[in-house]
Amino acid sequence: MDDAQTDHLRAYGLTYWCLESPEGGASEWLLNYRGGSFLLPDTPAVRERAQELGVTCEPIGGSARDRIAATIAEENMERVVLEKAPEIAVYIPPTAEPWDDAVTLALEYAQVNYDELYDEAILQGELAEYDWLHTHHEDFSGQFGKFWATHRQEPWYQQQVKVAQDDARRFGFAGVQELKGAVAAQVAQWVAGGGFVFAMCSACDSLDVGLAAVGVDIIPAEIDGSPLDPSAQGKLDYDVTFCFRDFRLVSDPARNEIADIDLTPPEADFVGTGATFELFEFSAKQDPVVTMLTQCHTLQVPDFLGLTTAFDRARLKDNVVVMGDRPGTSMVKYVHADYGDGTATFLGGHDPEDYAHVINEEPTDLSLHKHSPGYRLILNNILFPAAKPRERKT
């Protein structure tokens, strides 16, 4: 998985296939070895599948395996056994939306199977069937992405509002905020029981806002017609959130931020497509979890915007591990936290290969970005639940 690899992204798909298919088998993740390589069963079926996907594999004989094992034992590297393909779900509304989701693009390009879930399935407890859940640009605060000011006349926005309001009534909730808050609470309960949630874009901060604001009216009157609770800020419960604390709500409906967690330009201290963020290097033997989540062939990753681009360092809880940031600034891009028996991993931004992806823009063609370091971070997350690493020590 270093620069010798012809298709980094589909290499994850090949590894997932080995875990999922009876023709594959248990595999190993060689953390920090040649960019985080995978050791797969050397069978005709695996070789054929690798050729189909266009993935570079190198045969490793007995003596070579011994040399690799010795190198890993001596260096900041580790061997992690991948045992079983995780069951993957993506939180996707049933209505078509005028944007794409980087995670579904990555899964489809890598040819990894996933199921789509939405509010009804989550409220009915169907998350229990899955190991891993992704949420992207959904607004769990019930404010429809704070698009009221800019897109309220658009048919897609009006349809989104109608469907959400109809669902809230159908499921017996007072409004959309109550519906989304209940869904966020179900996700949190599932994570606390051992699930793994991965969020990008506006789902990162809106999940925590939705959890903190259960029972508190936070929606501006312009959006839902009801008066805003003037004491809402003081009633937020930060104890139940995944990653963020002490955040202030943004009640102005003309601003698409829902809280001061987000650092999207012009508020952030970076401008332009040349910006990058840096991945942290961890001890593979002591911290295998975050080492898995940061495996890449480079430590410098091109930055990319989103409804939520990055997180204010001052808003992070004490237990949150920063895995990627812009050094010397308050901008944090990639974080991970334990939550009960499960974990939450948040990556700011919308599309790692489109600096400023906009509504109605064509989806990114990942066949043109086979070596994308940002998309590698996404795919690290789908294999992380397949491992049974030692508990993080530091």
Foldseek 3Di string as FASTA:
>chain_A
DAPVKPFQLLQLLLQLCLQEPPVWFKKKFKFPDRLTDIGTDPDPVSVVVCVVLVTDDDDADDVNVVVSVVVQVVDLIDIFIQHHQWAEEEEDDPDDFQDDFQLVLSCVSSVHDYYYDYLVCLLVPVCVVGAEYEYEQDQLQQQQLLCCQPDVVPPRSVVVQVVLQVVCVVVPHPGSLQSSLVSLVSVLVVQLVRHEYEYEFNCQVNSQVSPQQNVAFQAPCSRVVDHHDPCSLVRGDNVSGAWFDPWAADHPSNQSDGTQFACAPPNFPDDDQADWKFFDDDRCQQAVLLSLLQRANDRTAGAAAHSGRFGFQVTTDPQKDQGMAHPPGRGGAWIKGRRNNHIYIYGYHGHSVHRYDDGNDDDDDCVVVSRHSVSVSSSSVSSSVSTDHDDHDD
